[in-house]
Amino acid sequence: MLYLLLPERVRAHRLVAMGWPVRLGVFLLLWLYFVYIEWGAVFFICGLLYLLVSSMRGDSRRRSGPSAYSVFNRNCERLDGTFTAEEFDRSLRSGFS
């Protein structure tokens, strides 16, 4: 958990340097230790929560591409071919032809 207190630049560099097999090995060793002291289930659940939060952070996502949600894009620009509320309203009023 002290890892989260490091600056973002240092965290990103360390994640690139340390591959997933090393992280998995460290997790398993720590988990075995926590099983030994009878806190294995708590450590496992905290590990799953950390995995969930770290996967949703969005650091690995490309920043250059537009988001599917227009409110997150510059000038609220929509993707090409997006079905808007205005088009939906127009089709309801005039029929779906």
Protein backbone atom coordinates (compact mmCIF):
# COMPACT_ATOMS: atom_id res chain seq x y z
CA MET A 1 0.00 0.00 0.00
CA LEU A 2 2.97 2.33 0.44
CA TYR A 3 3.34 2.00 -3.31
CA LEU A 4 0.30 4.27 -3.77
CA LEU A 5 2.06 7.10 -1.91
CA LEU A 6 4.82 7.38 -4.52
CA PRO A 7 4.60 10.12 -7.16
CA GLU A 8 2.80 9.15 -10.38
CA ARG A 9 5.96 9.37 -12.51
CA VAL A 10 7.86 6.99 -10.21
CA ARG A 11 4.92 4.55 -10.06
CA ALA A 12 4.62 4.40 -13.85
CA HIS A 13 8.36 3.75 -14.23
CA ARG A 14 8.34 0.98 -11.66
CA LEU A 15 5.34 -0.74 -13.23
CA VAL A 16 7.08 -0.85 -16.59
CA ALA A 17 10.29 -2.15 -15.03
CA MET A 18 8.59 -4.89 -13.01
CA GLY A 19 6.78 -7.45 -15.15
CA TRP A 20 3.61 -9.29 -14.25
CA PRO A 21 5.38 -12.58 -13.31
CA VAL A 22 7.39 -10.76 -10.65
CA ARG A 23 4.29 -9.03 -9.29
CA LEU A 24 2.40 -12.33 -9.25
CA GLY A 25 5.27 -14.02 -7.43
CA VAL A 26 5.44 -11.28 -4.81
CA PHE A 27 1.67 -11.45 -4.36
CA LEU A 28 1.75 -15.23 -3.90
CA LEU A 29 4.60 -15.07 -1.39
CA LEU A 30 2.84 -12.38 0.61
CA TRP A 31 -0.41 -14.31 0.39
CA LEU A 32 1.27 -17.45 1.76
CA TYR A 33 2.66 -15.40 4.64
CA PHE A 34 -0.77 -13.97 5.39
CA VAL A 35 -2.29 -17.47 5.23
CA TYR A 36 0.33 -18.52 7.78
CA ILE A 37 -0.71 -15.71 10.15
CA GLU A 38 -4.39 -16.54 9.41
CA TRP A 39 -5.19 -13.36 7.45
CA GLY A 40 -5.05 -14.97 4.01
CA ALA A 41 -8.68 -14.31 3.03
CA VAL A 42 -8.42 -10.64 3.98
CA PHE A 43 -5.20 -10.24 1.98
CA PHE A 44 -6.74 -12.01 -1.01
CA ILE A 45 -9.83 -9.76 -0.99
CA CYS A 46 -7.67 -6.64 -0.63
CA GLY A 47 -5.57 -7.88 -3.55
CA LEU A 48 -8.68 -8.32 -5.69
CA LEU A 49 -9.87 -4.82 -4.77
CA TYR A 50 -6.44 -3.41 -5.69
CA LEU A 51 -6.57 -5.25 -9.02
CA LEU A 52 -10.02 -3.85 -9.70
CA VAL A 53 -9.05 -0.26 -8.86
CA SER A 54 -5.74 -0.38 -10.74
CA SER A 55 -7.41 -1.75 -13.87
CA MET A 56 -9.98 1.06 -13.86
CA ARG A 57 -7.49 3.90 -13.39
CA GLY A 58 -7.12 4.39 -17.12
CA ASP A 59 -3.34 4.94 -17.14
CA SER A 60 -2.83 2.29 -19.80
CA ARG A 61 -5.47 3.74 -22.12
CA ARG A 62 -4.42 5.82 -25.11
CA ARG A 63 -4.98 9.50 -24.43
CA SER A 64 -4.91 10.50 -28.11
CA GLY A 65 -8.13 8.74 -29.10
CA PRO A 66 -11.56 10.22 -28.45
CA SER A 67 -13.81 8.80 -25.78
CA ALA A 68 -17.09 7.09 -26.60
CA TYR A 69 -18.72 9.54 -24.20
CA SER A 70 -18.75 12.95 -25.86
CA VAL A 71 -18.65 14.86 -22.57
CA PHE A 72 -15.05 13.71 -22.06
CA ASN A 73 -13.86 14.89 -25.50
CA ARG A 74 -12.61 18.36 -26.32
CA ASN A 75 -15.48 20.69 -27.24
CA CYS A 76 -17.85 17.76 -26.49
CA GLU A 77 -17.27 16.40 -30.01
CA ARG A 78 -19.14 13.19 -30.84
CA LEU A 79 -17.75 10.19 -32.66
CA ASP A 80 -18.69 9.84 -36.31
CA GLY A 81 -21.89 7.83 -36.68
CA THR A 82 -23.09 8.42 -33.14
CA PHE A 83 -26.87 8.20 -32.74
CA THR A 84 -27.81 11.41 -30.92
CA ALA A 85 -30.84 12.26 -28.83
CA GLU A 86 -31.99 14.72 -31.50
CA GLU A 87 -31.93 12.01 -34.18
CA PHE A 88 -33.81 9.65 -31.88
CA ASP A 89 -36.47 12.27 -31.16
CA ARG A 90 -36.81 13.07 -34.85
CA SER A 91 -37.21 9.40 -35.74
CA LEU A 92 -39.87 8.91 -33.05
CA ARG A 93 -41.88 11.85 -34.29
CA SER A 94 -41.63 11.04 -38.01
CA GLY A 95 -41.35 7.25 -37.92
CA PHE A 96 -38.40 4.91 -38.30
CA SER A 97 -38.14 5.00 -42.08
